[in-house]
Amino acid sequence: MSLDLHYIDGSPFARIVRILAREHGVVMREIELAEFPPSDSFLDINPLGQVPVMMADGVAHFPTRIAIDALLARVNGPAQGVAATIARPDHRTEDEQDLAVILAMGDALAAHHYAKWAGIGPVDRNRLGFDPAERNMVRALRTLDWLERRMRNGAFQSGHVSVQDIALAAFILWSESRGRIAWRGRAQMERLVGALEGRASFAATAPRPHQLK
């Protein structure tokens, strides 16, 4: 069975899948998209125009959570202490919620940064009464506070590195390379990032330097 992953360098969403593939030894061809945003032809694969997209025997799996599932379906069991499933049988709702919240926080972070990078500002009277970009940052930081309280011993699940651990670290490290946020001072997260950022899978997928900061 062939696996092809479409990704953009630096994308923390795609990086989650790329890290998991390396941790579990899944053979996967990585196809880097040179254009950003992706070309119109890419919309034929994913109408959302986003990465990652996992092609499994010609079938497109997206968005991120579906791509993660497609990758984990090719894993036979945990490798080197990394979870091969998203949720533990006795904590399914909790674990599913943690990953869903982390991915939603990543969307808020990306929306905040893209608005700033695009130089978007008021063009008319603000009928909302708030700045959407700043609101997204508030959402992200409050979510980090909530996630911090969900963690124990620098992890979401005891005994192994979880998909949730990898996802959160990928977003935090993305912010370090693209536009730093106030995540430090949260002891659980500092411990998590410190433990994961030196792993070979993280080093191999580190984003290249970028001018958008």
N, C-alpha and C. Protein backbone atom coordinates (compact mmCIF):
# COMPACT_ATOMS: atom_id res chain seq x y z
N MET A 1 0.85 -1.19 0.00
CA MET A 1 0.00 0.00 0.00
C MET A 1 0.88 1.24 0.00
N SER A 2 0.63 2.14 -0.93
CA SER A 2 1.46 3.34 -1.05
C SER A 2 0.88 4.48 -0.23
N LEU A 3 1.78 5.24 0.37
CA LEU A 3 1.40 6.43 1.14
C LEU A 3 2.19 7.62 0.62
N ASP A 4 1.49 8.69 0.28
CA ASP A 4 2.12 9.94 -0.13
C ASP A 4 1.55 11.06 0.73
N LEU A 5 2.43 11.87 1.31
CA LEU A 5 1.97 12.98 2.13
C LEU A 5 2.32 14.30 1.44
N HIS A 6 1.30 15.09 1.15
CA HIS A 6 1.51 16.44 0.64
C HIS A 6 1.68 17.37 1.84
N TYR A 7 2.74 18.16 1.82
CA TYR A 7 3.00 19.04 2.96
C TYR A 7 3.65 20.33 2.50
N ILE A 8 3.63 21.32 3.36
CA ILE A 8 4.34 22.58 3.17
C ILE A 8 5.35 22.70 4.29
N ASP A 9 6.57 23.08 3.95
CA ASP A 9 7.60 23.21 4.98
C ASP A 9 7.12 24.17 6.07
N GLY A 10 7.30 23.76 7.30
CA GLY A 10 6.92 24.60 8.41
C GLY A 10 5.53 24.34 8.93
N SER A 11 4.65 23.77 8.12
CA SER A 11 3.28 23.52 8.58
C SER A 11 3.30 22.62 9.82
N PRO A 12 2.82 23.12 10.96
CA PRO A 12 2.80 22.26 12.15
C PRO A 12 1.78 21.14 12.02
N PHE A 13 0.73 21.36 11.24
CA PHE A 13 -0.28 20.32 11.04
C PHE A 13 0.34 19.13 10.30
N ALA A 14 1.03 19.43 9.20
CA ALA A 14 1.70 18.36 8.46
C ALA A 14 2.85 17.76 9.26
N ARG A 15 3.49 18.58 10.06
CA ARG A 15 4.64 18.09 10.83
C ARG A 15 4.22 16.99 11.81
N ILE A 16 3.03 17.09 12.35
CA ILE A 16 2.54 16.05 13.26
C ILE A 16 2.59 14.69 12.57
N VAL A 17 2.07 14.63 11.34
CA VAL A 17 2.03 13.37 10.60
C VAL A 17 3.45 12.93 10.25
N ARG A 18 4.29 13.87 9.85
CA ARG A 18 5.66 13.54 9.47
C ARG A 18 6.44 12.98 10.66
N ILE A 19 6.22 13.54 11.84
CA ILE A 19 6.88 13.04 13.04
C ILE A 19 6.40 11.64 13.38
N LEU A 20 5.08 11.45 13.33
CA LEU A 20 4.53 10.14 13.66
C LEU A 20 5.06 9.06 12.71
N ALA A 21 5.18 9.39 11.43
CA ALA A 21 5.70 8.42 10.46
C ALA A 21 7.12 8.00 10.83
N ARG A 22 7.93 8.95 11.22
CA ARG A 22 9.32 8.64 11.60
C ARG A 22 9.38 7.85 12.90
N GLU A 23 8.57 8.22 13.86
CA GLU A 23 8.60 7.52 15.14
C GLU A 23 8.18 6.05 14.98
N HIS A 24 7.26 5.79 14.07
CA HIS A 24 6.73 4.43 13.91
C HIS A 24 7.33 3.68 12.73
N GLY A 25 8.26 4.32 12.03
CA GLY A 25 8.91 3.65 10.91
C GLY A 25 7.99 3.37 9.75
N VAL A 26 6.99 4.21 9.54
CA VAL A 26 6.07 4.03 8.42
C VAL A 26 6.71 4.59 7.15
N VAL A 27 6.76 3.79 6.12
CA VAL A 27 7.34 4.24 4.85
C VAL A 27 6.31 5.13 4.14
N MET A 28 6.73 6.35 3.84
CA MET A 28 5.81 7.33 3.29
C MET A 28 6.60 8.30 2.42
N ARG A 29 6.11 8.54 1.22
CA ARG A 29 6.75 9.53 0.36
C ARG A 29 6.21 10.92 0.73
N GLU A 30 7.13 11.85 0.94
CA GLU A 30 6.73 13.20 1.29
C GLU A 30 6.87 14.11 0.08
N ILE A 31 5.79 14.79 -0.27
CA ILE A 31 5.76 15.66 -1.44
C ILE A 31 5.59 17.09 -0.95
N GLU A 32 6.67 17.86 -1.04
CA GLU A 32 6.61 19.24 -0.57
C GLU A 32 5.99 20.14 -1.64
N LEU A 33 5.03 20.94 -1.23
CA LEU A 33 4.41 21.89 -2.14
C LEU A 33 5.26 23.15 -2.16
N ALA A 34 5.70 23.55 -3.33
CA ALA A 34 6.59 24.70 -3.45
C ALA A 34 5.83 26.02 -3.34
N GLU A 35 4.56 26.01 -3.73
CA GLU A 35 3.79 27.25 -3.74
C GLU A 35 3.00 27.43 -2.45
N PHE A 36 2.93 28.68 -2.02
CA PHE A 36 2.07 29.01 -0.88
C PHE A 36 1.36 30.33 -1.15
N PRO A 37 0.03 30.33 -1.12
CA PRO A 37 -0.82 29.15 -0.89
C PRO A 37 -0.71 28.15 -2.04
N PRO A 38 -1.15 26.92 -1.82
CA PRO A 38 -1.06 25.91 -2.87
C PRO A 38 -1.79 26.35 -4.14
N SER A 39 -1.34 25.81 -5.27
CA SER A 39 -1.92 26.17 -6.56
C SER A 39 -3.37 25.70 -6.66
N ASP A 40 -4.08 26.25 -7.65
CA ASP A 40 -5.48 25.87 -7.86
C ASP A 40 -5.61 24.37 -8.14
N SER A 41 -4.59 23.78 -8.75
CA SER A 41 -4.67 22.35 -9.05
C SER A 41 -4.71 21.51 -7.77
N PHE A 42 -4.11 22.02 -6.70
CA PHE A 42 -4.13 21.29 -5.43
C PHE A 42 -5.55 21.23 -4.86
N LEU A 43 -6.38 22.21 -5.22
CA LEU A 43 -7.76 22.21 -4.74
C LEU A 43 -8.55 21.03 -5.28
N ASP A 44 -8.05 20.43 -6.36
CA ASP A 44 -8.69 19.23 -6.87
C ASP A 44 -8.46 18.05 -5.93
N ILE A 45 -7.38 18.12 -5.16
CA ILE A 45 -7.07 17.07 -4.18
C ILE A 45 -7.75 17.37 -2.85
N ASN A 46 -7.61 18.61 -2.39
CA ASN A 46 -8.23 19.05 -1.14
C ASN A 46 -8.86 20.42 -1.39
N PRO A 47 -10.18 20.51 -1.46
CA PRO A 47 -10.82 21.79 -1.75
C PRO A 47 -10.57 22.85 -0.70
N LEU A 48 -10.13 22.43 0.50
CA LEU A 48 -9.79 23.39 1.54
C LEU A 48 -8.47 24.09 1.25
N GLY A 49 -7.65 23.50 0.37
CA GLY A 49 -6.37 24.10 0.04
C GLY A 49 -5.38 24.07 1.19
N GLN A 50 -5.48 23.05 2.04
CA GLN A 50 -4.64 22.97 3.23
C GLN A 50 -3.84 21.67 3.24
N VAL A 51 -2.77 21.67 4.01
CA VAL A 51 -2.01 20.45 4.28
C VAL A 51 -2.14 20.14 5.76
N PRO A 52 -1.96 18.85 6.10
CA PRO A 52 -1.52 17.74 5.26
C PRO A 52 -2.66 17.10 4.48
N VAL A 53 -2.26 16.44 3.40
CA VAL A 53 -3.15 15.52 2.69
C VAL A 53 -2.40 14.21 2.56
N MET A 54 -2.96 13.15 3.10
CA MET A 54 -2.37 11.83 2.99
C MET A 54 -3.08 11.08 1.86
N MET A 55 -2.29 10.69 0.88
CA MET A 55 -2.84 9.88 -0.22
C MET A 55 -2.50 8.42 0.07
N ALA A 56 -3.52 7.62 0.33
CA ALA A 56 -3.34 6.20 0.60
C ALA A 56 -3.95 5.42 -0.56
N ASP A 57 -3.08 4.84 -1.39
CA ASP A 57 -3.53 4.14 -2.59
C ASP A 57 -4.47 5.00 -3.43
N GLY A 58 -4.09 6.27 -3.56
CA GLY A 58 -4.84 7.18 -4.41
C GLY A 58 -6.04 7.84 -3.78
N VAL A 59 -6.35 7.52 -2.52
CA VAL A 59 -7.47 8.12 -1.82
C VAL A 59 -6.95 9.23 -0.90
N ALA A 60 -7.53 10.42 -1.01
CA ALA A 60 -7.07 11.56 -0.23
C ALA A 60 -7.68 11.55 1.17
N HIS A 61 -6.81 11.68 2.18
CA HIS A 61 -7.26 11.75 3.57
C HIS A 61 -6.90 13.12 4.13
N PHE A 62 -7.90 13.89 4.49
CA PHE A 62 -7.75 15.21 5.08
C PHE A 62 -9.05 15.55 5.78
N PRO A 63 -9.10 16.53 6.71
CA PRO A 63 -8.01 17.37 7.20
C PRO A 63 -7.08 16.63 8.15
N THR A 64 -6.41 17.38 9.03
CA THR A 64 -5.30 16.83 9.81
C THR A 64 -5.68 15.58 10.59
N ARG A 65 -6.79 15.60 11.29
CA ARG A 65 -7.15 14.44 12.11
C ARG A 65 -7.34 13.20 11.24
N ILE A 66 -7.93 13.35 10.07
CA ILE A 66 -8.15 12.21 9.19
C ILE A 66 -6.82 11.71 8.63
N ALA A 67 -5.89 12.63 8.35
CA ALA A 67 -4.56 12.23 7.89
C ALA A 67 -3.81 11.47 8.99
N ILE A 68 -3.97 11.92 10.22
CA ILE A 68 -3.34 11.21 11.35
C ILE A 68 -3.90 9.79 11.45
N ASP A 69 -5.21 9.67 11.34
CA ASP A 69 -5.82 8.34 11.41
C ASP A 69 -5.30 7.43 10.30
N ALA A 70 -5.15 7.99 9.09
CA ALA A 70 -4.65 7.20 7.96
C ALA A 70 -3.24 6.70 8.21
N LEU A 71 -2.43 7.54 8.84
CA LEU A 71 -1.06 7.14 9.17
C LEU A 71 -1.05 6.07 10.25
N LEU A 72 -1.80 6.28 11.32
CA LEU A 72 -1.80 5.33 12.43
C LEU A 72 -2.40 3.99 12.03
N ALA A 73 -3.24 3.97 11.01
CA ALA A 73 -3.81 2.70 10.54
C ALA A 73 -2.75 1.79 9.98
N ARG A 74 -1.58 2.36 9.64
CA ARG A 74 -0.47 1.56 9.10
C ARG A 74 0.54 1.17 10.17
N VAL A 75 0.23 1.46 11.43
CA VAL A 75 1.14 1.15 12.53
C VAL A 75 0.69 -0.13 13.21
N ASN A 76 1.63 -1.03 13.44
CA ASN A 76 1.30 -2.32 14.05
C ASN A 76 1.29 -2.29 15.57
N GLY A 77 1.98 -1.33 16.15
CA GLY A 77 2.04 -1.26 17.59
C GLY A 77 2.96 -0.13 18.01
N PRO A 78 2.99 0.23 19.31
CA PRO A 78 3.84 1.32 19.76
C PRO A 78 5.31 1.02 19.51
N ALA A 79 6.04 2.06 19.14
CA ALA A 79 7.48 1.93 18.88
C ALA A 79 8.23 2.96 19.70
N GLN A 80 9.23 2.52 20.42
CA GLN A 80 10.07 3.42 21.20
C GLN A 80 9.24 4.30 22.14
N GLY A 81 8.20 3.71 22.72
CA GLY A 81 7.42 4.44 23.70
C GLY A 81 6.49 5.48 23.13
N VAL A 82 6.16 5.41 21.85
CA VAL A 82 5.24 6.36 21.23
C VAL A 82 3.92 5.67 20.96
N ALA A 83 2.82 6.30 21.36
CA ALA A 83 1.50 5.70 21.23
C ALA A 83 1.15 5.44 19.77
N ALA A 84 0.49 4.33 19.52
CA ALA A 84 0.05 3.98 18.17
C ALA A 84 -1.43 4.28 17.97
N THR A 85 -2.07 4.81 18.99
CA THR A 85 -3.48 5.19 18.91
C THR A 85 -3.65 6.56 19.54
N ILE A 86 -4.73 7.22 19.19
CA ILE A 86 -5.00 8.55 19.74
C ILE A 86 -5.56 8.48 21.14
N ALA A 87 -6.43 7.52 21.38
CA ALA A 87 -7.14 7.46 22.66
C ALA A 87 -6.95 6.13 23.35
N ARG A 88 -6.82 6.20 24.66
CA ARG A 88 -6.81 5.00 25.49
C ARG A 88 -8.24 4.52 25.69
N PRO A 89 -8.45 3.20 25.72
CA PRO A 89 -9.82 2.69 25.83
C PRO A 89 -10.59 3.24 27.03
N ASP A 90 -9.90 3.44 28.15
CA ASP A 90 -10.58 3.90 29.35
C ASP A 90 -10.58 5.42 29.51
N HIS A 91 -10.02 6.13 28.53
CA HIS A 91 -10.00 7.60 28.58
C HIS A 91 -10.33 8.17 27.20
N ARG A 92 -11.20 7.52 26.48
CA ARG A 92 -11.42 7.88 25.08
C ARG A 92 -11.92 9.31 24.91
N THR A 93 -12.94 9.68 25.67
CA THR A 93 -13.50 11.03 25.51
C THR A 93 -12.45 12.10 25.86
N GLU A 94 -11.75 11.89 26.95
CA GLU A 94 -10.72 12.83 27.38
C GLU A 94 -9.63 12.98 26.33
N ASP A 95 -9.14 11.88 25.82
CA ASP A 95 -8.03 11.92 24.86
C ASP A 95 -8.47 12.52 23.53
N GLU A 96 -9.67 12.15 23.08
CA GLU A 96 -10.19 12.71 21.83
C GLU A 96 -10.37 14.22 21.98
N GLN A 97 -10.88 14.64 23.12
CA GLN A 97 -11.08 16.06 23.36
C GLN A 97 -9.76 16.82 23.37
N ASP A 98 -8.75 16.26 24.01
CA ASP A 98 -7.45 16.93 24.06
C ASP A 98 -6.91 17.19 22.66
N LEU A 99 -6.96 16.17 21.80
CA LEU A 99 -6.42 16.35 20.45
C LEU A 99 -7.27 17.35 19.66
N ALA A 100 -8.59 17.26 19.78
CA ALA A 100 -9.45 18.20 19.06
C ALA A 100 -9.18 19.64 19.48
N VAL A 101 -8.98 19.85 20.76
CA VAL A 101 -8.72 21.20 21.27
C VAL A 101 -7.35 21.69 20.80
N ILE A 102 -6.35 20.83 20.81
CA ILE A 102 -5.01 21.22 20.35
C ILE A 102 -5.06 21.64 18.88
N LEU A 103 -5.74 20.87 18.04
CA LEU A 103 -5.82 21.20 16.63
C LEU A 103 -6.59 22.50 16.41
N ALA A 104 -7.65 22.72 17.18
CA ALA A 104 -8.41 23.97 17.07
C ALA A 104 -7.56 25.15 17.51
N MET A 105 -6.76 24.95 18.56
CA MET A 105 -5.86 26.01 18.99
C MET A 105 -4.86 26.35 17.90
N GLY A 106 -4.37 25.32 17.19
CA GLY A 106 -3.46 25.56 16.07
C GLY A 106 -4.11 26.40 15.00
N ASP A 107 -5.38 26.16 14.72
CA ASP A 107 -6.11 26.98 13.75
C ASP A 107 -6.16 28.44 14.22
N ALA A 108 -6.41 28.66 15.50
CA ALA A 108 -6.47 30.02 16.03
C ALA A 108 -5.12 30.71 15.92
N LEU A 109 -4.05 29.98 16.24
CA LEU A 109 -2.71 30.55 16.13
C LEU A 109 -2.40 30.94 14.68
N ALA A 110 -2.71 30.03 13.76
CA ALA A 110 -2.44 30.31 12.36
C ALA A 110 -3.24 31.51 11.88
N ALA A 111 -4.51 31.59 12.26
CA ALA A 111 -5.35 32.72 11.85
C ALA A 111 -4.80 34.03 12.39
N HIS A 112 -4.32 34.00 13.63
CA HIS A 112 -3.73 35.21 14.21
C HIS A 112 -2.52 35.67 13.42
N HIS A 113 -1.59 34.75 13.16
CA HIS A 113 -0.35 35.11 12.48
C HIS A 113 -0.61 35.54 11.04
N TYR A 114 -1.49 34.83 10.34
CA TYR A 114 -1.75 35.19 8.95
C TYR A 114 -2.35 36.59 8.84
N ALA A 115 -3.24 36.94 9.77
CA ALA A 115 -3.82 38.28 9.75
C ALA A 115 -2.75 39.34 9.95
N LYS A 116 -1.83 39.08 10.85
CA LYS A 116 -0.74 40.04 11.11
C LYS A 116 0.21 40.12 9.93
N TRP A 117 0.59 38.96 9.38
CA TRP A 117 1.51 38.95 8.25
C TRP A 117 0.91 39.64 7.03
N ALA A 118 -0.39 39.51 6.85
CA ALA A 118 -1.05 40.12 5.70
C ALA A 118 -1.25 41.62 5.88
N GLY A 119 -0.97 42.12 7.08
CA GLY A 119 -1.14 43.54 7.32
C GLY A 119 -2.60 43.96 7.33
N ILE A 120 -3.46 43.02 7.69
CA ILE A 120 -4.89 43.32 7.68
C ILE A 120 -5.24 44.26 8.82
N GLY A 121 -5.95 45.32 8.50
CA GLY A 121 -6.37 46.29 9.49
C GLY A 121 -7.77 46.77 9.21
N PRO A 122 -8.33 47.64 10.06
CA PRO A 122 -9.70 48.13 9.87
C PRO A 122 -9.85 48.88 8.55
N VAL A 123 -10.91 48.60 7.84
CA VAL A 123 -11.24 49.34 6.61
C VAL A 123 -12.61 50.00 6.73
N ASP A 124 -13.27 49.77 7.85
CA ASP A 124 -14.60 50.33 8.06
C ASP A 124 -14.85 50.32 9.57
N ARG A 125 -16.01 50.76 9.98
CA ARG A 125 -16.37 50.73 11.40
C ARG A 125 -16.41 49.29 11.88
N ASN A 126 -15.81 49.06 13.05
CA ASN A 126 -15.77 47.71 13.61
C ASN A 126 -17.12 47.38 14.23
N ARG A 127 -17.90 46.56 13.56
CA ARG A 127 -19.22 46.18 14.06
C ARG A 127 -19.17 45.02 15.04
N LEU A 128 -18.02 44.36 15.10
CA LEU A 128 -17.86 43.26 16.04
C LEU A 128 -17.51 43.74 17.44
N GLY A 129 -16.74 44.81 17.49
CA GLY A 129 -16.32 45.33 18.79
C GLY A 129 -15.04 44.72 19.31
N PHE A 130 -14.37 43.90 18.49
CA PHE A 130 -13.08 43.32 18.89
C PHE A 130 -12.26 43.06 17.64
N ASP A 131 -10.95 42.92 17.85
CA ASP A 131 -10.01 42.60 16.78
C ASP A 131 -9.95 41.08 16.65
N PRO A 132 -10.39 40.50 15.52
CA PRO A 132 -10.39 39.04 15.39
C PRO A 132 -9.01 38.42 15.58
N ALA A 133 -7.96 39.09 15.09
CA ALA A 133 -6.62 38.52 15.24
C ALA A 133 -6.24 38.44 16.72
N GLU A 134 -6.49 39.51 17.45
CA GLU A 134 -6.16 39.49 18.87
C GLU A 134 -7.04 38.51 19.63
N ARG A 135 -8.28 38.40 19.20
CA ARG A 135 -9.18 37.43 19.83
C ARG A 135 -8.66 36.01 19.65
N ASN A 136 -8.11 35.71 18.49
CA ASN A 136 -7.54 34.39 18.26
C ASN A 136 -6.35 34.13 19.16
N MET A 137 -5.56 35.17 19.43
CA MET A 137 -4.43 34.98 20.34
C MET A 137 -4.92 34.74 21.76
N VAL A 138 -5.94 35.47 22.17
CA VAL A 138 -6.52 35.24 23.50
C VAL A 138 -7.02 33.80 23.62
N ARG A 139 -7.71 33.34 22.58
CA ARG A 139 -8.21 31.96 22.58
C ARG A 139 -7.06 30.97 22.70
N ALA A 140 -5.99 31.21 21.96
CA ALA A 140 -4.85 30.29 21.98
C ALA A 140 -4.21 30.24 23.36
N LEU A 141 -3.99 31.39 23.96
CA LEU A 141 -3.32 31.42 25.26
C LEU A 141 -4.20 30.85 26.36
N ARG A 142 -5.48 31.12 26.30
CA ARG A 142 -6.37 30.52 27.29
C ARG A 142 -6.43 29.00 27.11
N THR A 143 -6.35 28.55 25.88
CA THR A 143 -6.33 27.11 25.62
C THR A 143 -5.06 26.48 26.18
N LEU A 144 -3.94 27.18 26.04
CA LEU A 144 -2.70 26.67 26.63
C LEU A 144 -2.85 26.51 28.15
N ASP A 145 -3.51 27.46 28.79
CA ASP A 145 -3.74 27.35 30.24
C ASP A 145 -4.56 26.10 30.55
N TRP A 146 -5.60 25.87 29.75
CA TRP A 146 -6.47 24.71 29.96
C TRP A 146 -5.71 23.42 29.74
N LEU A 147 -4.90 23.37 28.69
CA LEU A 147 -4.12 22.17 28.40
C LEU A 147 -3.08 21.91 29.49
N GLU A 148 -2.48 22.97 30.00
CA GLU A 148 -1.49 22.82 31.07
C GLU A 148 -2.10 22.08 32.25
N ARG A 149 -3.33 22.38 32.56
CA ARG A 149 -3.99 21.73 33.69
C ARG A 149 -4.35 20.28 33.39
N ARG A 150 -4.37 19.90 32.13
CA ARG A 150 -4.70 18.53 31.74
C ARG A 150 -3.48 17.60 31.79
N MET A 151 -2.29 18.18 31.90
CA MET A 151 -1.07 17.40 31.80
C MET A 151 -0.53 16.99 33.17
N ARG A 152 0.20 15.90 33.16
CA ARG A 152 0.88 15.41 34.36
C ARG A 152 2.27 14.95 33.96
N ASN A 153 3.27 15.36 34.72
CA ASN A 153 4.65 14.95 34.46
C ASN A 153 5.08 15.26 33.04
N GLY A 154 4.64 16.41 32.52
CA GLY A 154 5.06 16.85 31.20
C GLY A 154 4.49 16.05 30.06
N ALA A 155 3.30 15.47 30.25
CA ALA A 155 2.70 14.64 29.20
C ALA A 155 1.19 14.60 29.39
N PHE A 156 0.49 14.21 28.32
CA PHE A 156 -0.95 14.04 28.41
C PHE A 156 -1.33 12.63 28.84
N GLN A 157 -0.50 11.66 28.51
CA GLN A 157 -0.77 10.27 28.86
C GLN A 157 0.49 9.67 29.47
N SER A 158 0.35 8.96 30.55
CA SER A 158 1.51 8.40 31.23
C SER A 158 2.04 7.18 30.49
N GLY A 159 3.34 7.02 30.54
CA GLY A 159 3.96 5.80 30.04
C GLY A 159 4.42 5.84 28.61
N HIS A 160 4.01 6.87 27.84
CA HIS A 160 4.45 6.94 26.46
C HIS A 160 4.26 8.37 25.93
N VAL A 161 4.88 8.62 24.79
CA VAL A 161 4.66 9.89 24.08
C VAL A 161 3.36 9.74 23.29
N SER A 162 2.43 10.63 23.49
CA SER A 162 1.13 10.54 22.84
C SER A 162 1.07 11.41 21.59
N VAL A 163 0.06 11.16 20.77
CA VAL A 163 -0.18 12.03 19.62
C VAL A 163 -0.44 13.46 20.10
N GLN A 164 -1.12 13.58 21.23
CA GLN A 164 -1.40 14.90 21.79
C GLN A 164 -0.10 15.62 22.16
N ASP A 165 0.84 14.89 22.74
CA ASP A 165 2.14 15.48 23.09
C ASP A 165 2.83 16.02 21.84
N ILE A 166 2.86 15.20 20.80
CA ILE A 166 3.53 15.58 19.56
C ILE A 166 2.85 16.78 18.93
N ALA A 167 1.52 16.78 18.91
CA ALA A 167 0.78 17.88 18.30
C ALA A 167 1.03 19.19 19.02
N LEU A 168 0.94 19.19 20.33
CA LEU A 168 1.14 20.43 21.08
C LEU A 168 2.56 20.95 20.90
N ALA A 169 3.55 20.06 20.99
CA ALA A 169 4.93 20.48 20.81
C ALA A 169 5.16 21.05 19.41
N ALA A 170 4.53 20.46 18.40
CA ALA A 170 4.69 20.95 17.03
C ALA A 170 4.16 22.38 16.89
N PHE A 171 3.04 22.68 17.52
CA PHE A 171 2.49 24.04 17.43
C PHE A 171 3.33 25.04 18.21
N ILE A 172 3.78 24.65 19.38
CA ILE A 172 4.62 25.56 20.17
C ILE A 172 5.92 25.85 19.44
N LEU A 173 6.55 24.83 18.88
CA LEU A 173 7.81 25.04 18.16
C LEU A 173 7.57 25.81 16.87
N TRP A 174 6.41 25.67 16.24
CA TRP A 174 6.07 26.50 15.07
C TRP A 174 6.05 27.97 15.48
N SER A 175 5.45 28.25 16.64
CA SER A 175 5.41 29.64 17.09
C SER A 175 6.81 30.17 17.37
N GLU A 176 7.70 29.32 17.83
CA GLU A 176 9.06 29.76 18.09
C GLU A 176 9.77 30.14 16.80
N SER A 177 9.42 29.49 15.70
CA SER A 177 10.10 29.76 14.43
C SER A 177 9.39 30.81 13.58
N ARG A 178 8.10 31.04 13.85
CA ARG A 178 7.32 31.93 12.99
C ARG A 178 6.81 33.18 13.68
N GLY A 179 6.81 33.20 14.98
CA GLY A 179 6.30 34.36 15.71
C GLY A 179 5.98 33.94 17.14
N ARG A 180 6.87 34.24 18.05
CA ARG A 180 6.79 33.70 19.40
C ARG A 180 5.53 34.17 20.13
N ILE A 181 5.01 33.26 20.92
CA ILE A 181 3.85 33.55 21.76
C ILE A 181 4.24 33.32 23.22
N ALA A 182 3.38 33.77 24.11
CA ALA A 182 3.71 33.70 25.55
C ALA A 182 3.34 32.34 26.12
N TRP A 183 4.05 31.30 25.70
CA TRP A 183 3.75 29.96 26.20
C TRP A 183 4.62 29.56 27.37
N ARG A 184 5.75 30.20 27.50
CA ARG A 184 6.67 29.82 28.58
C ARG A 184 6.11 30.22 29.94
N GLY A 185 6.62 29.57 30.98
CA GLY A 185 6.10 29.79 32.32
C GLY A 185 5.08 28.73 32.70
N ARG A 186 4.72 27.89 31.75
CA ARG A 186 3.83 26.76 32.03
C ARG A 186 4.72 25.53 32.18
N ALA A 187 4.87 25.08 33.41
CA ALA A 187 5.89 24.07 33.73
C ALA A 187 5.68 22.77 32.97
N GLN A 188 4.44 22.34 32.83
CA GLN A 188 4.17 21.09 32.12
C GLN A 188 4.59 21.18 30.65
N MET A 189 4.26 22.30 30.02
CA MET A 189 4.59 22.46 28.61
C MET A 189 6.09 22.64 28.39
N GLU A 190 6.72 23.36 29.28
CA GLU A 190 8.18 23.51 29.15
C GLU A 190 8.85 22.14 29.26
N ARG A 191 8.36 21.33 30.16
CA ARG A 191 8.92 19.98 30.31
C ARG A 191 8.65 19.14 29.05
N LEU A 192 7.46 19.25 28.50
CA LEU A 192 7.11 18.50 27.29
C LEU A 192 7.99 18.89 26.12
N VAL A 193 8.07 20.18 25.84
CA VAL A 193 8.85 20.65 24.69
C VAL A 193 10.31 20.31 24.87
N GLY A 194 10.82 20.46 26.09
CA GLY A 194 12.21 20.13 26.35
C GLY A 194 12.52 18.67 26.10
N ALA A 195 11.55 17.80 26.37
CA ALA A 195 11.76 16.36 26.19
C ALA A 195 11.65 15.95 24.73
N LEU A 196 10.84 16.65 23.92
CA LEU A 196 10.57 16.20 22.56
C LEU A 196 11.40 16.89 21.49
N GLU A 197 11.76 18.14 21.69
CA GLU A 197 12.38 18.89 20.59
C GLU A 197 13.72 18.31 20.15
N GLY A 198 14.38 17.54 21.00
CA GLY A 198 15.65 16.95 20.62
C GLY A 198 15.54 15.59 19.97
N ARG A 199 14.33 15.04 19.87
CA ARG A 199 14.16 13.73 19.24
C ARG A 199 14.49 13.82 17.76
N ALA A 200 14.99 12.71 17.22
CA ALA A 200 15.40 12.69 15.81
C ALA A 200 14.24 13.05 14.88
N SER A 201 13.03 12.63 15.23
CA SER A 201 11.86 12.91 14.38
C SER A 201 11.56 14.39 14.32
N PHE A 202 11.79 15.09 15.42
CA PHE A 202 11.57 16.54 15.44
C PHE A 202 12.69 17.26 14.69
N ALA A 203 13.92 16.81 14.90
CA ALA A 203 15.05 17.44 14.21
C ALA A 203 14.92 17.29 12.69
N ALA A 204 14.46 16.13 12.23
CA ALA A 204 14.36 15.87 10.80
C ALA A 204 13.25 16.67 10.13
N THR A 205 12.29 17.16 10.91
CA THR A 205 11.15 17.88 10.35
C THR A 205 11.12 19.34 10.76
N ALA A 206 12.22 19.83 11.33
CA ALA A 206 12.26 21.22 11.78
C ALA A 206 12.05 22.17 10.61
N PRO A 207 11.23 23.20 10.76
CA PRO A 207 11.00 24.13 9.66
C PRO A 207 12.25 24.92 9.31
N ARG A 208 12.38 25.20 8.04
CA ARG A 208 13.49 26.05 7.60
C ARG A 208 13.26 27.49 8.05
N PRO A 209 14.33 28.28 8.17
CA PRO A 209 14.17 29.69 8.56
C PRO A 209 13.19 30.40 7.62
N HIS A 210 12.43 31.32 8.17
CA HIS A 210 11.40 32.00 7.40
C HIS A 210 11.41 33.48 7.73
N GLN A 211 11.08 34.30 6.75
CA GLN A 211 11.11 35.73 6.96
C GLN A 211 9.87 36.24 7.66
N LEU A 212 8.83 35.46 7.72
CA LEU A 212 7.59 35.92 8.34
C LEU A 212 7.64 35.70 9.84
N LYS A 213 7.98 36.74 10.55
CA LYS A 213 8.05 36.67 12.02
C LYS A 213 7.46 37.93 12.61
